[in-house]
């Protein structure tokens, strides 16, 4: 049976108490809680243009290809998972200085509308942990 659900886009923002360089680097570091790479049971991560990633968590695999890596402003990569029905979608992260903080924006586009809740839940989960990690570090520094 062919699916006919339209494609959608979701946008998430977090204000992170750190510089764009720190936030950019932390997003790509599998040792930092809150980015999708951190909780992987299996991980391949080559974060450069045309570099590939693959990660599996509890048997659920995601993979894609980096299309832009512009430190400290932007990361963009394709995203394929069971929740995109195996079709390629796009994830774009931007990092904009706001005073001493960074406005981090994640846009996930071109994925099936009927998987909205799983994508909302997943990105809010990761971004919540990621933001909390920086908030905890900032509070300790005071």
N, C-alpha and C. Protein backbone atom coordinates (compact mmCIF):
# COMPACT_ATOMS: atom_id res chain seq x y z
N UNK A 1 0.84 -1.19 0.00
CA UNK A 1 0.00 0.00 0.00
C UNK A 1 0.89 1.25 0.00
N UNK A 2 0.63 2.15 -0.92
CA UNK A 2 1.42 3.37 -1.01
C UNK A 2 0.84 4.44 -0.10
N UNK A 3 1.71 5.13 0.61
CA UNK A 3 1.28 6.19 1.51
C UNK A 3 1.15 7.49 0.74
N UNK A 4 0.16 8.31 1.12
CA UNK A 4 -0.06 9.58 0.42
C UNK A 4 -0.01 10.77 1.36
N UNK A 5 0.50 10.57 2.54
CA UNK A 5 0.56 11.64 3.53
C UNK A 5 1.48 12.74 3.04
N UNK A 6 1.08 13.99 3.26
CA UNK A 6 1.91 15.10 2.81
C UNK A 6 3.15 15.23 3.70
N UNK A 7 4.15 15.92 3.18
CA UNK A 7 5.40 16.16 3.89
C UNK A 7 5.27 17.46 4.70
N UNK A 8 5.91 17.47 5.88
CA UNK A 8 5.81 18.64 6.74
C UNK A 8 7.19 19.08 7.22
N UNK A 9 7.19 20.16 8.00
CA UNK A 9 8.41 20.71 8.58
C UNK A 9 8.12 21.10 10.02
N UNK A 10 9.06 20.79 10.90
CA UNK A 10 8.97 21.20 12.30
C UNK A 10 10.17 22.07 12.64
N UNK A 11 9.96 23.05 13.52
CA UNK A 11 11.04 23.93 13.94
C UNK A 11 11.08 23.99 15.47
N UNK A 12 12.29 23.89 16.01
CA UNK A 12 12.51 23.93 17.46
C UNK A 12 13.58 24.96 17.75
N UNK A 13 13.41 25.73 18.82
CA UNK A 13 14.42 26.70 19.24
C UNK A 13 14.77 26.50 20.70
N UNK A 14 16.04 26.71 21.01
CA UNK A 14 16.52 26.70 22.39
C UNK A 14 17.55 27.81 22.53
N UNK A 15 17.49 28.54 23.64
CA UNK A 15 18.50 29.54 23.96
C UNK A 15 19.50 28.86 24.88
N UNK A 16 20.73 28.75 24.42
CA UNK A 16 21.77 28.00 25.12
C UNK A 16 22.78 28.98 25.73
N UNK A 17 23.08 28.85 27.02
CA UNK A 17 24.03 29.77 27.66
C UNK A 17 25.49 29.40 27.36
N UNK A 18 25.88 29.61 26.09
CA UNK A 18 27.24 29.33 25.63
C UNK A 18 27.42 30.01 24.27
N UNK A 19 28.65 30.06 23.80
CA UNK A 19 28.94 30.67 22.50
C UNK A 19 28.49 29.74 21.36
N UNK A 20 28.27 30.30 20.18
CA UNK A 20 27.93 29.45 19.03
C UNK A 20 28.98 28.36 18.76
N UNK A 21 30.25 28.69 18.95
CA UNK A 21 31.31 27.69 18.74
C UNK A 21 31.16 26.52 19.70
N UNK A 22 30.91 26.83 20.98
CA UNK A 22 30.75 25.77 21.98
C UNK A 22 29.53 24.90 21.69
N UNK A 23 28.43 25.54 21.29
CA UNK A 23 27.19 24.80 21.03
C UNK A 23 27.36 23.93 19.78
N UNK A 24 27.93 24.50 18.73
CA UNK A 24 28.18 23.76 17.49
C UNK A 24 29.04 22.52 17.79
N UNK A 25 30.16 22.73 18.47
CA UNK A 25 31.07 21.62 18.77
C UNK A 25 30.40 20.56 19.64
N UNK A 26 29.62 20.99 20.62
CA UNK A 26 28.95 20.04 21.51
C UNK A 26 27.91 19.22 20.76
N UNK A 27 27.23 19.82 19.80
CA UNK A 27 26.22 19.07 19.04
C UNK A 27 26.84 17.91 18.27
N UNK A 28 28.08 18.06 17.86
CA UNK A 28 28.74 17.02 17.08
C UNK A 28 29.60 16.08 17.92
N UNK A 29 29.62 16.26 19.23
CA UNK A 29 30.45 15.45 20.12
C UNK A 29 29.62 14.35 20.78
N UNK A 30 29.84 13.08 20.42
CA UNK A 30 29.02 12.01 20.98
C UNK A 30 29.16 11.83 22.49
N UNK A 31 30.13 12.50 23.10
CA UNK A 31 30.29 12.42 24.55
C UNK A 31 29.34 13.37 25.29
N UNK A 32 28.69 14.29 24.58
CA UNK A 32 27.84 15.31 25.20
C UNK A 32 26.38 14.84 25.20
N UNK A 33 25.76 14.73 26.38
CA UNK A 33 24.34 14.34 26.43
C UNK A 33 23.45 15.35 25.70
N UNK A 34 22.45 14.81 25.01
CA UNK A 34 21.44 15.64 24.37
C UNK A 34 21.54 15.69 22.87
N UNK A 35 22.70 15.42 22.31
CA UNK A 35 22.72 15.33 20.85
C UNK A 35 22.33 13.90 20.47
N UNK A 36 21.86 13.69 19.26
CA UNK A 36 21.37 12.35 18.93
C UNK A 36 22.45 11.28 18.93
N UNK A 37 23.69 11.66 18.81
CA UNK A 37 24.79 10.69 18.72
C UNK A 37 25.12 10.09 20.09
N UNK A 38 24.82 10.81 21.17
CA UNK A 38 25.25 10.43 22.51
C UNK A 38 24.71 9.08 22.98
N UNK A 39 23.45 8.82 22.72
CA UNK A 39 22.82 7.62 23.25
C UNK A 39 22.91 6.41 22.32
N UNK A 40 23.64 6.54 21.23
CA UNK A 40 23.69 5.47 20.23
C UNK A 40 24.32 4.20 20.79
N UNK A 41 23.71 3.08 20.45
CA UNK A 41 24.30 1.78 20.74
C UNK A 41 25.42 1.49 19.74
N UNK A 42 25.21 1.94 18.50
CA UNK A 42 26.21 1.83 17.44
C UNK A 42 26.27 3.20 16.77
N UNK A 43 27.49 3.65 16.42
CA UNK A 43 27.62 4.99 15.84
C UNK A 43 28.76 5.04 14.83
N UNK A 44 28.46 5.63 13.68
CA UNK A 44 29.45 6.07 12.71
C UNK A 44 29.13 7.54 12.48
N UNK A 45 30.11 8.42 12.65
CA UNK A 45 29.87 9.86 12.54
C UNK A 45 31.07 10.51 11.87
N UNK A 46 30.87 11.01 10.65
CA UNK A 46 31.90 11.71 9.89
C UNK A 46 31.31 13.07 9.52
N UNK A 47 31.39 14.02 10.44
CA UNK A 47 30.69 15.31 10.33
C UNK A 47 31.45 16.30 9.45
N UNK A 48 31.43 16.02 8.14
CA UNK A 48 31.98 16.93 7.13
C UNK A 48 31.10 16.80 5.90
N UNK A 49 31.17 17.76 5.00
CA UNK A 49 30.34 17.71 3.80
C UNK A 49 30.60 16.39 3.07
N UNK A 50 29.53 15.71 2.76
CA UNK A 50 29.50 14.38 2.14
C UNK A 50 29.91 13.26 3.09
N UNK A 51 30.19 13.59 4.37
CA UNK A 51 30.44 12.57 5.38
C UNK A 51 29.12 11.93 5.77
N UNK A 52 29.19 10.69 6.17
CA UNK A 52 27.98 9.93 6.52
C UNK A 52 27.86 9.76 8.02
N UNK A 53 26.62 9.55 8.46
CA UNK A 53 26.40 9.12 9.85
C UNK A 53 25.43 7.95 9.84
N UNK A 54 25.59 7.13 10.83
CA UNK A 54 24.68 6.01 11.08
C UNK A 54 24.64 5.85 12.59
N UNK A 55 23.45 5.77 13.15
CA UNK A 55 23.36 5.42 14.56
C UNK A 55 22.14 4.56 14.80
N UNK A 56 22.32 3.70 15.77
CA UNK A 56 21.26 2.78 16.15
C UNK A 56 21.08 2.89 17.66
N UNK A 57 19.84 2.97 18.07
CA UNK A 57 19.51 2.99 19.49
C UNK A 57 18.33 2.05 19.71
N UNK A 58 18.54 1.06 20.57
CA UNK A 58 17.51 0.06 20.86
C UNK A 58 16.90 -0.52 19.57
N UNK A 59 17.76 -0.80 18.58
CA UNK A 59 17.32 -1.43 17.35
C UNK A 59 16.72 -0.50 16.31
N UNK A 60 16.58 0.78 16.61
CA UNK A 60 16.01 1.75 15.68
C UNK A 60 17.17 2.52 15.05
N UNK A 61 17.34 2.40 13.73
CA UNK A 61 18.49 2.98 13.05
C UNK A 61 18.13 4.25 12.28
N UNK A 62 19.04 5.20 12.29
CA UNK A 62 18.95 6.44 11.55
C UNK A 62 20.25 6.59 10.75
N UNK A 63 20.18 7.20 9.59
CA UNK A 63 21.39 7.46 8.83
C UNK A 63 21.19 8.65 7.91
N UNK A 64 22.29 9.19 7.41
CA UNK A 64 22.21 10.31 6.51
C UNK A 64 23.59 10.78 6.08
N UNK A 65 23.58 11.92 5.38
CA UNK A 65 24.79 12.51 4.81
C UNK A 65 24.82 13.99 5.12
N UNK A 66 25.96 14.47 5.58
CA UNK A 66 26.11 15.89 5.86
C UNK A 66 26.21 16.67 4.55
N UNK A 67 25.42 17.74 4.44
CA UNK A 67 25.42 18.57 3.23
C UNK A 67 26.04 19.94 3.48
N UNK A 68 26.04 20.40 4.74
CA UNK A 68 26.69 21.66 5.12
C UNK A 68 27.26 21.53 6.51
N UNK A 69 28.49 21.97 6.69
CA UNK A 69 29.09 22.08 8.02
C UNK A 69 29.86 23.40 8.01
N UNK A 70 29.22 24.43 8.52
CA UNK A 70 29.77 25.79 8.51
C UNK A 70 29.93 26.26 9.95
N UNK A 71 31.05 25.86 10.57
CA UNK A 71 31.30 26.21 11.96
C UNK A 71 31.51 27.70 12.10
N UNK A 72 30.85 28.38 13.02
CA UNK A 72 29.93 27.90 14.04
C UNK A 72 28.46 28.17 13.72
N UNK A 73 28.12 28.39 12.46
CA UNK A 73 26.79 28.89 12.13
C UNK A 73 25.75 27.84 11.73
N UNK A 74 26.16 26.76 11.05
CA UNK A 74 25.15 25.88 10.46
C UNK A 74 25.67 24.45 10.30
N UNK A 75 24.76 23.52 10.54
CA UNK A 75 24.97 22.10 10.22
C UNK A 75 23.71 21.66 9.49
N UNK A 76 23.90 20.97 8.38
CA UNK A 76 22.74 20.45 7.66
C UNK A 76 23.06 19.02 7.20
N UNK A 77 22.08 18.14 7.37
CA UNK A 77 22.27 16.77 6.92
C UNK A 77 20.94 16.14 6.56
N UNK A 78 21.03 15.14 5.72
CA UNK A 78 19.83 14.36 5.42
C UNK A 78 19.54 13.46 6.61
N UNK A 79 18.34 12.92 6.64
CA UNK A 79 17.92 12.06 7.76
C UNK A 79 16.98 11.00 7.20
N UNK A 80 17.34 9.75 7.41
CA UNK A 80 16.51 8.64 6.98
C UNK A 80 16.30 7.73 8.19
N UNK A 81 15.06 7.35 8.42
CA UNK A 81 14.74 6.47 9.54
C UNK A 81 13.44 5.73 9.24
N UNK A 82 13.08 4.78 10.08
CA UNK A 82 11.78 4.13 9.89
C UNK A 82 10.63 5.14 9.97
N UNK A 83 10.83 6.24 10.71
CA UNK A 83 9.77 7.24 10.86
C UNK A 83 9.65 8.16 9.65
N UNK A 84 10.60 8.08 8.72
CA UNK A 84 10.48 8.81 7.45
C UNK A 84 10.12 7.83 6.33
N UNK A 85 9.73 6.60 6.71
CA UNK A 85 9.39 5.51 5.80
C UNK A 85 10.57 5.19 4.89
N UNK A 86 11.78 5.41 5.38
CA UNK A 86 12.96 5.13 4.59
C UNK A 86 13.26 6.18 3.54
N UNK A 87 12.49 7.27 3.53
CA UNK A 87 12.74 8.36 2.58
C UNK A 87 13.62 9.42 3.23
N UNK A 88 14.35 10.13 2.41
CA UNK A 88 15.26 11.15 2.90
C UNK A 88 14.51 12.41 3.31
N UNK A 89 14.81 12.91 4.50
CA UNK A 89 14.31 14.19 4.97
C UNK A 89 15.54 15.06 5.24
N UNK A 90 15.34 16.30 5.72
CA UNK A 90 16.47 17.21 5.92
C UNK A 90 16.41 17.82 7.32
N UNK A 91 17.56 17.84 8.00
CA UNK A 91 17.69 18.48 9.31
C UNK A 91 18.70 19.62 9.14
N UNK A 92 18.28 20.83 9.56
CA UNK A 92 19.13 22.01 9.50
C UNK A 92 19.21 22.61 10.89
N UNK A 93 20.43 22.79 11.38
CA UNK A 93 20.65 23.46 12.67
C UNK A 93 21.38 24.76 12.40
N UNK A 94 20.93 25.83 13.05
CA UNK A 94 21.63 27.10 12.98
C UNK A 94 21.94 27.56 14.40
N UNK A 95 23.04 28.30 14.52
CA UNK A 95 23.55 28.76 15.80
C UNK A 95 23.81 30.26 15.68
N UNK A 96 22.99 31.07 16.37
CA UNK A 96 23.07 32.53 16.25
C UNK A 96 23.36 33.15 17.61
N UNK A 97 24.38 33.97 17.67
CA UNK A 97 24.75 34.63 18.92
C UNK A 97 23.63 35.58 19.34
N UNK A 98 23.24 35.50 20.59
CA UNK A 98 22.25 36.40 21.21
C UNK A 98 22.86 36.85 22.53
N UNK A 99 23.59 37.97 22.50
CA UNK A 99 24.29 38.42 23.69
C UNK A 99 25.38 37.43 24.04
N UNK A 100 25.34 36.89 25.26
CA UNK A 100 26.32 35.88 25.67
C UNK A 100 25.83 34.46 25.38
N UNK A 101 24.63 34.35 24.85
CA UNK A 101 24.01 33.05 24.60
C UNK A 101 23.98 32.74 23.10
N UNK A 102 23.46 31.56 22.79
CA UNK A 102 23.28 31.14 21.40
C UNK A 102 21.84 30.68 21.20
N UNK A 103 21.21 31.24 20.17
CA UNK A 103 19.90 30.74 19.76
C UNK A 103 20.16 29.59 18.80
N UNK A 104 19.80 28.39 19.25
CA UNK A 104 19.96 27.19 18.44
C UNK A 104 18.60 26.86 17.85
N UNK A 105 18.54 26.76 16.52
CA UNK A 105 17.30 26.44 15.84
C UNK A 105 17.50 25.15 15.05
N UNK A 106 16.59 24.21 15.23
CA UNK A 106 16.62 22.95 14.50
C UNK A 106 15.34 22.89 13.66
N UNK A 107 15.51 22.72 12.36
CA UNK A 107 14.38 22.55 11.44
C UNK A 107 14.51 21.18 10.80
N UNK A 108 13.47 20.38 10.95
CA UNK A 108 13.42 19.07 10.31
C UNK A 108 12.31 19.14 9.27
N UNK A 109 12.67 18.95 7.99
CA UNK A 109 11.69 19.14 6.91
C UNK A 109 11.61 17.91 6.00
N UNK A 110 10.52 17.89 5.25
CA UNK A 110 10.28 16.87 4.23
C UNK A 110 10.12 15.46 4.78
N UNK A 111 9.41 15.35 5.90
CA UNK A 111 9.10 14.02 6.41
C UNK A 111 7.58 13.86 6.50
N UNK A 112 7.08 12.64 6.57
CA UNK A 112 5.65 12.39 6.52
C UNK A 112 4.90 12.98 7.71
N UNK A 113 3.78 13.63 7.40
CA UNK A 113 2.96 14.28 8.43
C UNK A 113 2.51 13.30 9.51
N UNK A 114 2.25 12.05 9.15
CA UNK A 114 1.75 11.12 10.16
C UNK A 114 2.82 10.66 11.16
N UNK A 115 4.07 11.11 10.96
CA UNK A 115 5.11 10.82 11.96
C UNK A 115 5.48 12.07 12.76
N UNK A 116 4.61 13.09 12.70
CA UNK A 116 4.85 14.34 13.42
C UNK A 116 5.12 14.12 14.90
N UNK A 117 4.27 13.37 15.58
CA UNK A 117 4.42 13.24 17.03
C UNK A 117 5.71 12.53 17.41
N UNK A 118 6.12 11.52 16.65
CA UNK A 118 7.39 10.84 16.99
C UNK A 118 8.57 11.77 16.78
N UNK A 119 8.54 12.61 15.76
CA UNK A 119 9.62 13.57 15.53
C UNK A 119 9.59 14.69 16.58
N UNK A 120 8.41 15.20 16.91
CA UNK A 120 8.31 16.21 17.97
C UNK A 120 8.84 15.67 19.29
N UNK A 121 8.39 14.47 19.65
CA UNK A 121 8.84 13.87 20.90
C UNK A 121 10.35 13.65 20.90
N UNK A 122 10.87 13.11 19.82
CA UNK A 122 12.30 12.83 19.74
C UNK A 122 13.17 14.07 19.81
N UNK A 123 12.87 15.07 18.99
CA UNK A 123 13.69 16.29 19.00
C UNK A 123 13.54 17.05 20.32
N UNK A 124 12.34 17.10 20.88
CA UNK A 124 12.19 17.77 22.18
C UNK A 124 12.95 17.04 23.28
N UNK A 125 12.99 15.73 23.20
CA UNK A 125 13.76 14.94 24.16
C UNK A 125 15.24 15.30 24.07
N UNK A 126 15.81 15.21 22.87
CA UNK A 126 17.24 15.51 22.71
C UNK A 126 17.55 16.96 23.05
N UNK A 127 16.78 17.90 22.54
CA UNK A 127 17.05 19.32 22.78
C UNK A 127 16.86 19.70 24.24
N UNK A 128 15.93 19.07 24.91
CA UNK A 128 15.75 19.31 26.34
C UNK A 128 16.98 18.89 27.14
N UNK A 129 17.50 17.70 26.85
CA UNK A 129 18.72 17.23 27.54
C UNK A 129 19.91 18.11 27.18
N UNK A 130 20.02 18.49 25.92
CA UNK A 130 21.14 19.30 25.46
C UNK A 130 21.12 20.67 26.16
N UNK A 131 19.96 21.30 26.20
CA UNK A 131 19.82 22.60 26.88
C UNK A 131 20.13 22.48 28.36
N UNK A 132 19.63 21.42 28.98
CA UNK A 132 19.85 21.21 30.41
C UNK A 132 21.32 21.03 30.72
N UNK A 133 22.04 20.35 29.85
CA UNK A 133 23.47 20.16 30.05
C UNK A 133 24.18 21.51 30.12
N UNK A 134 23.84 22.44 29.23
CA UNK A 134 24.47 23.76 29.24
C UNK A 134 24.00 24.60 30.42
N UNK A 135 22.73 24.49 30.79
CA UNK A 135 22.21 25.23 31.94
C UNK A 135 22.92 24.79 33.21
N UNK A 136 23.15 23.49 33.35
CA UNK A 136 23.84 22.96 34.53
C UNK A 136 25.28 23.45 34.58
N UNK A 137 25.97 23.43 33.45
CA UNK A 137 27.36 23.91 33.39
C UNK A 137 27.41 25.40 33.72
N UNK A 138 26.47 26.19 33.18
CA UNK A 138 26.44 27.64 33.42
C UNK A 138 26.17 27.94 34.89
N UNK A 139 25.27 27.17 35.52
CA UNK A 139 24.95 27.44 36.93
C UNK A 139 26.13 27.10 37.84
N UNK A 140 26.92 26.10 37.46
CA UNK A 140 28.10 25.74 38.25
C UNK A 140 29.18 26.80 38.15
N UNK A 141 29.22 27.51 37.01
CA UNK A 141 30.26 28.51 36.77
C UNK A 141 30.00 29.80 37.56
N UNK A 142 28.78 29.99 38.05
CA UNK A 142 28.44 31.22 38.77
C UNK A 142 28.90 31.19 40.20
